[in-house]
C-alpha atoms as a PDB file:
ATOM      1  CA  UNK A   1       0.000   0.000   0.000  1.00  0.00           C
ATOM      2  CA  UNK A   2       2.788   2.427   0.954  1.00  0.00           C
ATOM      3  CA  UNK A   3       4.644   1.536  -2.241  1.00  0.00           C
ATOM      4  CA  UNK A   4       1.538   2.257  -4.365  1.00  0.00           C
ATOM      5  CA  UNK A   5       1.050   5.572  -2.597  1.00  0.00           C
ATOM      6  CA  UNK A   6       4.665   6.567  -3.277  1.00  0.00           C
ATOM      7  CA  UNK A   7       4.340   5.584  -6.932  1.00  0.00           C
ATOM      8  CA  UNK A   8       1.140   7.621  -7.227  1.00  0.00           C
ATOM      9  CA  UNK A   9       2.736  10.634  -5.537  1.00  0.00           C
ATOM     10  CA  UNK A  10       5.727  10.369  -7.854  1.00  0.00           C
ATOM     11  CA  UNK A  11       3.398  10.232 -10.867  1.00  0.00           C
ATOM     12  CA  UNK A  12       1.615  13.412  -9.790  1.00  0.00           C
ATOM     13  CA  UNK A  13       4.947  15.149  -9.158  1.00  0.00           C
ATOM     14  CA  UNK A  14       6.182  14.309 -12.642  1.00  0.00           C
ATOM     15  CA  UNK A  15       2.874  15.365 -14.137  1.00  0.00           C
ATOM     16  CA  UNK A  16       2.975  18.704 -12.341  1.00  0.00           C
ATOM     17  CA  UNK A  17       6.571  19.408 -13.308  1.00  0.00           C
ATOM     18  CA  UNK A  18       5.806  18.815 -16.997  1.00  0.00           C
ATOM     19  CA  UNK A  19       3.537  21.875 -17.105  1.00  0.00           C
ATOM     20  CA  UNK A  20       6.003  24.643 -17.833  1.00  0.00           C
ATOM     21  CA  UNK A  21       5.287  28.320 -18.387  1.00  0.00           C
ATOM     22  CA  UNK A  22       5.433  29.611 -21.948  1.00  0.00           C
ATOM     23  CA  UNK A  23       8.459  31.905 -22.237  1.00  0.00           C
ATOM     24  CA  UNK A  24       8.476  35.320 -23.906  1.00  0.00           C
ATOM     25  CA  UNK A  25      11.699  37.181 -24.722  1.00  0.00           C
ATOM     26  CA  UNK A  26      11.031  40.890 -24.129  1.00  0.00           C
ATOM     27  CA  UNK A  27      13.620  42.869 -26.110  1.00  0.00           C
ATOM     28  CA  UNK A  28      14.126  46.510 -25.084  1.00  0.00           C
ATOM     29  CA  UNK A  29      17.354  47.270 -26.959  1.00  0.00           C
ATOM     30  CA  UNK A  30      17.507  50.853 -28.226  1.00  0.00           C
ATOM     31  CA  UNK A  31      19.256  51.979 -31.411  1.00  0.00           C
ATOM     32  CA  UNK A  32      17.233  55.184 -31.724  1.00  0.00           C
ATOM     33  CA  UNK A  33      14.996  57.094 -29.313  1.00  0.00           C
ATOM     34  CA  UNK A  34      15.002  55.457 -25.872  1.00  0.00           C
ATOM     35  CA  UNK A  35      11.733  55.580 -23.961  1.00  0.00           C
ATOM     36  CA  UNK A  36      11.764  56.434 -20.267  1.00  0.00           C
ATOM     37  CA  UNK A  37       8.956  53.912 -19.776  1.00  0.00           C
ATOM     38  CA  UNK A  38      11.202  50.890 -20.424  1.00  0.00           C
ATOM     39  CA  UNK A  39      11.772  49.992 -16.723  1.00  0.00           C
ATOM     40  CA  UNK A  40       8.038  50.237 -15.999  1.00  0.00           C
ATOM     41  CA  UNK A  41       7.296  48.214 -19.144  1.00  0.00           C
ATOM     42  CA  UNK A  42       9.598  45.413 -18.024  1.00  0.00           C
ATOM     43  CA  UNK A  43       8.035  45.253 -14.570  1.00  0.00           C
ATOM     44  CA  UNK A  44       4.495  45.388 -15.972  1.00  0.00           C
ATOM     45  CA  UNK A  45       5.124  42.658 -18.549  1.00  0.00           C
ATOM     46  CA  UNK A  46       6.658  40.350 -15.950  1.00  0.00           C
ATOM     47  CA  UNK A  47       3.839  40.960 -13.474  1.00  0.00           C
ATOM     48  CA  UNK A  48       1.155  40.384 -16.122  1.00  0.00           C
ATOM     49  CA  UNK A  49       2.820  37.136 -17.147  1.00  0.00           C
ATOM     50  CA  UNK A  50       3.096  35.962 -13.542  1.00  0.00           C
ATOM     51  CA  UNK A  51      -0.594  36.638 -12.882  1.00  0.00           C
ATOM     52  CA  UNK A  52      -1.599  34.288 -15.695  1.00  0.00           C
ATOM     53  CA  UNK A  53       0.361  31.461 -14.039  1.00  0.00           C
ATOM     54  CA  UNK A  54       1.041  30.273 -17.597  1.00  0.00           C
ATOM     55  CA  UNK A  55       3.651  32.728 -18.871  1.00  0.00           C
ATOM     56  CA  UNK A  56       7.139  33.948 -18.064  1.00  0.00           C
ATOM     57  CA  UNK A  57       8.672  37.150 -19.474  1.00  0.00           C
ATOM     58  CA  UNK A  58      12.463  37.365 -19.790  1.00  0.00           C
ATOM     59  CA  UNK A  59      13.662  40.923 -20.438  1.00  0.00           C
ATOM     60  CA  UNK A  60      16.890  41.532 -22.333  1.00  0.00           C
ATOM     61  CA  UNK A  61      18.920  44.002 -24.349  1.00  0.00           C
ATOM     62  CA  UNK A  62      21.258  41.237 -25.513  1.00  0.00           C
ATOM     63  CA  UNK A  63      20.735  41.007 -29.266  1.00  0.00           C
ATOM     64  CA  UNK A  64      22.772  37.791 -29.480  1.00  0.00           C
ATOM     65  CA  UNK A  65      19.677  35.975 -28.167  1.00  0.00           C
ATOM     66  CA  UNK A  66      17.907  36.755 -31.458  1.00  0.00           C
ATOM     67  CA  UNK A  67      19.277  33.677 -33.164  1.00  0.00           C
ATOM     68  CA  UNK A  68      18.092  30.150 -33.796  1.00  0.00           C
ATOM     69  CA  UNK A  69      20.065  28.940 -30.772  1.00  0.00           C
ATOM     70  CA  UNK A  70      19.076  31.835 -28.514  1.00  0.00           C
ATOM     71  CA  UNK A  71      15.370  31.524 -29.321  1.00  0.00           C
ATOM     72  CA  UNK A  72      15.199  27.766 -28.922  1.00  0.00           C
ATOM     73  CA  UNK A  73      13.729  27.939 -25.417  1.00  0.00           C
ATOM     74  CA  UNK A  74      11.197  30.702 -26.133  1.00  0.00           C
ATOM     75  CA  UNK A  75       7.635  30.637 -27.416  1.00  0.00           C
ATOM     76  CA  UNK A  76       7.412  34.298 -28.446  1.00  0.00           C
ATOM     77  CA  UNK A  77       9.506  37.441 -28.896  1.00  0.00           C
ATOM     78  CA  UNK A  78       8.176  40.882 -27.964  1.00  0.00           C
ATOM     79  CA  UNK A  79       9.891  44.100 -29.132  1.00  0.00           C
ATOM     80  CA  UNK A  80       9.889  47.472 -27.371  1.00  0.00           C
ATOM     81  CA  UNK A  81      12.766  48.678 -29.532  1.00  0.00           C
ATOM     82  CA  UNK A  82      13.798  51.485 -31.858  1.00  0.00           C
ATOM     83  CA  UNK A  83      16.211  52.128 -34.704  1.00  0.00           C
ATOM     84  CA  UNK A  84      18.319  49.758 -36.776  1.00  0.00           C
ATOM     85  CA  UNK A  85      19.166  46.944 -34.380  1.00  0.00           C
ATOM     86  CA  UNK A  86      22.546  45.395 -35.122  1.00  0.00           C
ATOM     87  CA  UNK A  87      21.468  41.953 -36.312  1.00  0.00           C
ATOM     88  CA  UNK A  88      23.375  39.885 -38.829  1.00  0.00           C
ATOM     89  CA  UNK A  89      21.620  38.605 -41.969  1.00  0.00           C
ATOM     90  CA  UNK A  90      21.528  35.159 -40.348  1.00  0.00           C
ATOM     91  CA  UNK A  91      19.907  36.527 -37.183  1.00  0.00           C
ATOM     92  CA  UNK A  92      17.254  38.269 -39.260  1.00  0.00           C
ATOM     93  CA  UNK A  93      16.540  35.048 -41.132  1.00  0.00           C
ATOM     94  CA  UNK A  94      16.399  33.158 -37.830  1.00  0.00           C
ATOM     95  CA  UNK A  95      13.876  35.595 -36.345  1.00  0.00           C
ATOM     96  CA  UNK A  96      11.564  35.366 -39.355  1.00  0.00           C
ATOM     97  CA  UNK A  97      11.819  31.573 -39.370  1.00  0.00           C
ATOM     98  CA  UNK A  98      11.109  31.474 -35.619  1.00  0.00           C
ATOM     99  CA  UNK A  99       7.769  33.205 -36.220  1.00  0.00           C
ATOM    100  CA  UNK A 100       6.885  31.476 -39.493  1.00  0.00           C
ATOM    101  CA  UNK A 101       7.459  28.072 -37.895  1.00  0.00           C
ATOM    102  CA  UNK A 102       4.615  28.645 -35.422  1.00  0.00           C
ATOM    103  CA  UNK A 103       5.913  30.940 -32.693  1.00  0.00           C
ATOM    104  CA  UNK A 104       4.754  34.443 -31.722  1.00  0.00           C
ATOM    105  CA  UNK A 105       6.050  37.946 -32.367  1.00  0.00           C
ATOM    106  CA  UNK A 106       4.715  40.984 -30.546  1.00  0.00           C
ATOM    107  CA  UNK A 107       5.602  44.649 -30.607  1.00  0.00           C
ATOM    108  CA  UNK A 108       4.679  47.773 -28.695  1.00  0.00           C
ATOM    109  CA  UNK A 109       4.806  51.436 -29.667  1.00  0.00           C
ATOM    110  CA  UNK A 110       8.252  52.043 -31.182  1.00  0.00           C
ATOM    111  CA  UNK A 111       8.545  48.471 -32.481  1.00  0.00           C
ATOM    112  CA  UNK A 112       7.268  50.007 -35.744  1.00  0.00           C
ATOM    113  CA  UNK A 113      10.065  52.614 -35.438  1.00  0.00           C
ATOM    114  CA  UNK A 114      12.542  49.779 -35.910  1.00  0.00           C
ATOM    115  CA  UNK A 115      14.323  48.214 -38.901  1.00  0.00           C
ATOM    116  CA  UNK A 116      13.330  50.681 -41.634  1.00  0.00           C
ATOM    117  CA  UNK A 117      16.039  49.166 -43.841  1.00  0.00           C
ATOM    118  CA  UNK A 118      14.658  45.621 -43.453  1.00  0.00           C
ATOM    119  CA  UNK A 119      11.428  45.448 -45.501  1.00  0.00           C
ATOM    120  CA  UNK A 120      10.622  41.896 -44.391  1.00  0.00           C
ATOM    121  CA  UNK A 121      10.401  43.105 -40.813  1.00  0.00           C
ATOM    122  CA  UNK A 122       7.985  45.867 -41.785  1.00  0.00           C
ATOM    123  CA  UNK A 123       5.879  43.349 -43.668  1.00  0.00           C
ATOM    124  CA  UNK A 124       5.805  41.014 -40.666  1.00  0.00           C
ATOM    125  CA  UNK A 125       4.848  43.612 -38.050  1.00  0.00           C
ATOM    126  CA  UNK A 126       2.300  45.184 -40.401  1.00  0.00           C
ATOM    127  CA  UNK A 127       3.365  48.846 -40.795  1.00  0.00           C
ATOM    128  CA  UNK A 128       6.020  51.468 -40.150  1.00  0.00           C
ATOM    129  CA  UNK A 129       5.827  54.508 -37.868  1.00  0.00           C
ATOM    130  CA  UNK A 130       4.969  57.717 -39.733  1.00  0.00           C
ATOM    131  CA  UNK A 131       4.876  60.346 -37.011  1.00  0.00           C
ATOM    132  CA  UNK A 132       2.828  61.041 -33.879  1.00  0.00           C
ATOM    133  CA  UNK A 133       0.511  64.021 -34.461  1.00  0.00           C
ATOM    134  CA  UNK A 134      -1.044  63.832 -31.000  1.00  0.00           C
ATOM    135  CA  UNK A 135       0.074  63.248 -27.405  1.00  0.00           C
ATOM    136  CA  UNK A 136      -3.135  63.645 -25.411  1.00  0.00           C
ATOM    137  CA  UNK A 137      -6.169  61.890 -24.007  1.00  0.00           C
ATOM    138  CA  UNK A 138      -8.030  60.047 -26.748  1.00  0.00           C
ATOM    139  CA  UNK A 139     -10.804  57.517 -27.054  1.00  0.00           C
ATOM    140  CA  UNK A 140      -9.906  54.076 -28.383  1.00  0.00           C
ATOM    141  CA  UNK A 141     -12.502  52.063 -30.270  1.00  0.00           C
ATOM    142  CA  UNK A 142     -12.558  48.295 -29.811  1.00  0.00           C
ATOM    143  CA  UNK A 143     -13.031  46.722 -33.239  1.00  0.00           C
ATOM    144  CA  UNK A 144     -12.888  43.073 -32.182  1.00  0.00           C
ATOM    145  CA  UNK A 145     -14.391  42.535 -28.713  1.00  0.00           C
ATOM    146  CA  UNK A 146     -14.163  38.772 -29.202  1.00  0.00           C
ATOM    147  CA  UNK A 147     -10.366  38.862 -29.053  1.00  0.00           C
ATOM    148  CA  UNK A 148      -8.848  37.700 -25.744  1.00  0.00           C
ATOM    149  CA  UNK A 149      -8.541  40.587 -23.309  1.00  0.00           C
ATOM    150  CA  UNK A 150     -11.019  42.812 -25.130  1.00  0.00           C
ATOM    151  CA  UNK A 151     -14.213  41.078 -24.038  1.00  0.00           C
ATOM    152  CA  UNK A 152     -14.966  43.589 -21.289  1.00  0.00           C
ATOM    153  CA  UNK A 153     -13.759  46.623 -23.261  1.00  0.00           C
ATOM    154  CA  UNK A 154     -16.366  46.541 -26.025  1.00  0.00           C
ATOM    155  CA  UNK A 155     -17.365  50.175 -25.438  1.00  0.00           C
ATOM    156  CA  UNK A 156     -13.779  51.355 -25.852  1.00  0.00           C
ATOM    157  CA  UNK A 157     -11.746  53.327 -23.355  1.00  0.00           C
ATOM    158  CA  UNK A 158      -9.939  56.612 -22.904  1.00  0.00           C
ATOM    159  CA  UNK A 159      -6.199  56.883 -22.354  1.00  0.00           C
ATOM    160  CA  UNK A 160      -3.430  59.450 -22.597  1.00  0.00           C
ATOM    161  CA  UNK A 161      -0.664  58.377 -24.946  1.00  0.00           C
ATOM    162  CA  UNK A 162       1.498  59.437 -27.855  1.00  0.00           C
ATOM    163  CA  UNK A 163      -0.679  58.493 -30.813  1.00  0.00           C
ATOM    164  CA  UNK A 164       1.062  57.040 -33.858  1.00  0.00           C
ATOM    165  CA  UNK A 165       0.079  57.041 -37.496  1.00  0.00           C
ATOM    166  CA  UNK A 166       1.519  54.541 -39.956  1.00  0.00           C
ATOM    167  CA  UNK A 167       2.686  54.008 -43.511  1.00  0.00           C
ATOM    168  CA  UNK A 168       2.758  50.725 -45.417  1.00  0.00           C
ATOM    169  CA  UNK A 169      -0.375  49.784 -43.499  1.00  0.00           C
ATOM    170  CA  UNK A 170      -3.308  47.885 -44.979  1.00  0.00           C
ATOM    171  CA  UNK A 171      -6.326  46.254 -43.384  1.00  0.00           C
ATOM    172  CA  UNK A 172      -5.999  43.590 -46.062  1.00  0.00           C
ATOM    173  CA  UNK A 173      -2.978  42.244 -44.155  1.00  0.00           C
ATOM    174  CA  UNK A 174      -4.043  42.643 -40.513  1.00  0.00           C
ATOM    175  CA  UNK A 175      -7.034  42.280 -38.225  1.00  0.00           C
ATOM    176  CA  UNK A 176      -7.485  45.566 -36.353  1.00  0.00           C
ATOM    177  CA  UNK A 177      -8.268  45.285 -32.634  1.00  0.00           C
ATOM    178  CA  UNK A 178      -8.134  48.946 -31.551  1.00  0.00           C
ATOM    179  CA  UNK A 179      -8.416  52.176 -33.516  1.00  0.00           C
ATOM    180  CA  UNK A 180      -8.519  55.882 -32.794  1.00  0.00           C
ATOM    181  CA  UNK A 181     -11.858  57.611 -32.327  1.00  0.00           C
ATOM    182  CA  UNK A 182     -11.025  60.571 -34.548  1.00  0.00           C
ATOM    183  CA  UNK A 183     -13.749  62.697 -32.946  1.00  0.00           C
ATOM    184  CA  UNK A 184     -11.398  63.042 -29.958  1.00  0.00           C
ATOM    185  CA  UNK A 185      -8.499  64.622 -31.908  1.00  0.00           C
ATOM    186  CA  UNK A 186      -7.870  67.508 -34.295  1.00  0.00           C
ATOM    187  CA  UNK A 187      -7.460  65.960 -37.741  1.00  0.00           C
ATOM    188  CA  UNK A 188      -5.977  69.250 -38.953  1.00  0.00           C
ATOM    189  CA  UNK A 189      -3.160  69.126 -36.409  1.00  0.00           C
ATOM    190  CA  UNK A 190       0.389  69.546 -37.745  1.00  0.00           C
ATOM    191  CA  UNK A 191       1.890  66.290 -38.970  1.00  0.00           C
ATOM    192  CA  UNK A 192      -1.324  64.436 -39.805  1.00  0.00           C
ATOM    193  CA  UNK A 193      -0.469  62.503 -42.961  1.00  0.00           C
ATOM    194  CA  UNK A 194      -3.317  60.037 -43.400  1.00  0.00           C
ATOM    195  CA  UNK A 195      -6.220  61.341 -45.415  1.00  0.00           C
ATOM    196  CA  UNK A 196      -8.516  58.340 -44.961  1.00  0.00           C
ATOM    197  CA  UNK A 197      -9.150  58.896 -41.250  1.00  0.00           C
ATOM    198  CA  UNK A 198      -8.067  55.322 -40.505  1.00  0.00           C
ATOM    199  CA  UNK A 199      -5.764  55.279 -37.479  1.00  0.00           C
ATOM    200  CA  UNK A 200      -5.422  51.667 -36.363  1.00  0.00           C
ATOM    201  CA  UNK A 201      -3.663  51.356 -33.003  1.00  0.00           C
ATOM    202  CA  UNK A 202      -3.514  47.612 -32.357  1.00  0.00           C
ATOM    203  CA  UNK A 203      -3.760  44.616 -34.651  1.00  0.00           C
ATOM    204  CA  UNK A 204      -2.952  40.947 -35.137  1.00  0.00           C
ATOM    205  CA  UNK A 205      -2.088  38.872 -38.145  1.00  0.00           C
ATOM    206  CA  UNK A 206      -0.995  35.364 -39.056  1.00  0.00           C
ATOM    207  CA  UNK A 207       2.574  35.027 -40.313  1.00  0.00           C
ATOM    208  CA  UNK A 208       3.270  31.656 -41.812  1.00  0.00           C
ATOM    209  CA  UNK A 209       2.250  29.256 -39.066  1.00  0.00           C
ATOM    210  CA  UNK A 210       2.987  31.947 -36.453  1.00  0.00           C
ATOM    211  CA  UNK A 211       1.167  34.843 -34.837  1.00  0.00           C
ATOM    212  CA  UNK A 212       1.916  38.576 -34.782  1.00  0.00           C
ATOM    213  CA  UNK A 213       0.510  41.268 -32.469  1.00  0.00           C
ATOM    214  CA  UNK A 214       1.224  44.996 -32.345  1.00  0.00           C
ATOM    215  CA  UNK A 215      -0.014  47.829 -30.149  1.00  0.00           C
ATOM    216  CA  UNK A 216       0.863  51.485 -30.648  1.00  0.00           C
ATOM    217  CA  UNK A 217       0.429  52.188 -26.931  1.00  0.00           C
ATOM    218  CA  UNK A 218       3.483  52.377 -24.699  1.00  0.00           C
ATOM    219  CA  UNK A 219       5.042  55.852 -24.653  1.00  0.00           C
ATOM    220  CA  UNK A 220       4.259  56.723 -21.034  1.00  0.00           C
ATOM    221  CA  UNK A 221       4.606  54.731 -17.813  1.00  0.00           C
ATOM    222  CA  UNK A 222       0.822  54.591 -17.411  1.00  0.00           C
ATOM    223  CA  UNK A 223       0.511  53.136 -20.914  1.00  0.00           C
ATOM    224  CA  UNK A 224       1.847  49.947 -19.319  1.00  0.00           C
ATOM    225  CA  UNK A 225       0.152  50.133 -15.911  1.00  0.00           C
ATOM    226  CA  UNK A 226      -3.343  51.140 -17.053  1.00  0.00           C
ATOM    227  CA  UNK A 227      -5.741  48.279 -16.236  1.00  0.00           C
ATOM    228  CA  UNK A 228      -7.416  48.368 -19.671  1.00  0.00           C
ATOM    229  CA  UNK A 229      -4.101  48.413 -21.546  1.00  0.00           C
ATOM    230  CA  UNK A 230      -2.934  45.484 -19.418  1.00  0.00           C
ATOM    231  CA  UNK A 231      -6.027  43.494 -20.370  1.00  0.00           C
ATOM    232  CA  UNK A 232      -5.161  44.011 -24.034  1.00  0.00           C
ATOM    233  CA  UNK A 233      -1.535  42.999 -23.491  1.00  0.00           C
ATOM    234  CA  UNK A 234      -2.340  39.978 -21.346  1.00  0.00           C
ATOM    235  CA  UNK A 235      -4.772  38.633 -23.919  1.00  0.00           C
ATOM    236  CA  UNK A 236      -2.215  39.210 -26.648  1.00  0.00           C
ATOM    237  CA  UNK A 237       0.559  37.401 -24.757  1.00  0.00           C
ATOM    238  CA  UNK A 238      -1.681  34.394 -24.135  1.00  0.00           C
ATOM    239  CA  UNK A 239      -2.649  34.357 -27.812  1.00  0.00           C
ATOM    240  CA  UNK A 240       0.932  34.784 -29.074  1.00  0.00           C
ATOM    241  CA  UNK A 241       2.044  31.767 -27.057  1.00  0.00           C
ATOM    242  CA  UNK A 242      -0.885  29.593 -28.145  1.00  0.00           C
ATOM    243  CA  UNK A 243      -2.476  29.474 -24.701  1.00  0.00           C
ATOM    244  CA  UNK A 244      -5.735  30.805 -26.151  1.00  0.00           C
ATOM    245  CA  UNK A 245      -7.196  30.828 -29.644  1.00  0.00           C
ATOM    246  CA  UNK A 246      -8.675  33.748 -31.583  1.00  0.00           C
ATOM    247  CA  UNK A 247      -9.503  34.695 -35.143  1.00  0.00           C
ATOM    248  CA  UNK A 248      -6.661  36.727 -36.680  1.00  0.00           C
ATOM    249  CA  UNK A 249      -7.999  36.695 -40.216  1.00  0.00           C
ATOM    250  CA  UNK A 250      -7.475  40.110 -41.831  1.00  0.00           C
ATOM    251  CA  UNK A 251     -10.660  41.985 -42.563  1.00  0.00           C
END
C-alpha cells in the first residue's frame, strides 16, 4: 500500500513538473529614441505574465539571443525597440523563421520605429511609424471585442498616450483590434499625414504558421500600468504563445 502511494505521488509530481510556463523574450534594446517607460514596461510585462500562471517574461537588451540557438527555449519574442538593431543577416533570417514556424512575435509602440532598412520586418509587423501628431487623451474604439482581453472593453476606453500614425499599413494584411476615435483629436493638427481617417492602433495577423501582435500604446509609464491596456496585453501574450485561440484573419 505504501509503495503504491509513493508511486502515485511520484506520478503526480512528474505530471505537475511537466507543465512549464510559456516563455516570452522581451527585447528593449535601443538603437534610436530610448523611452523612459522601459523599466516600468519590463516590470508590468513580468507581473502580467506571472498573474496568468502560464507565462514567463524574460527581459533583455542582448541582441545575441535573437538567433536560432538563442530563441530555442522561447515561445514568443516581444519588441519594445527602436532604430536599426545590429542583427546579422543570419539573425534576421532566424527571427523570421522562428515566427513562421509557429511561434509568436509581438511589438509595442516604437517596435514600428525599428528596422526601416529591413522590408521583411515591416511586412511582418504590419506597418512602419509615420509620425505622432497627438500626445493627449483620446478615445480608443474596440473593433474586435471577441479577441482575448477585449471582451470587457467593447465600449472602448480613454487613455493618454502618444498616438502614432503609420505608412505601409493595410487592413488587407491585418485584423485591427483597436483604432482611434477621430472625434477626440484635431485631424488638422500639424503632422497628420493620413487622409482616410483610418488610425489603427492595435492589430494581429498570421505570419506563416505563427502569430503577430502589435499595439501602438506604450510611450508613457501609465501606458503599461493602465488596467485596460494590461487586459489588451495579457490577452495578446496568451494568444501569441498559443495558450488561447482567436480569429486573426485580416478583414
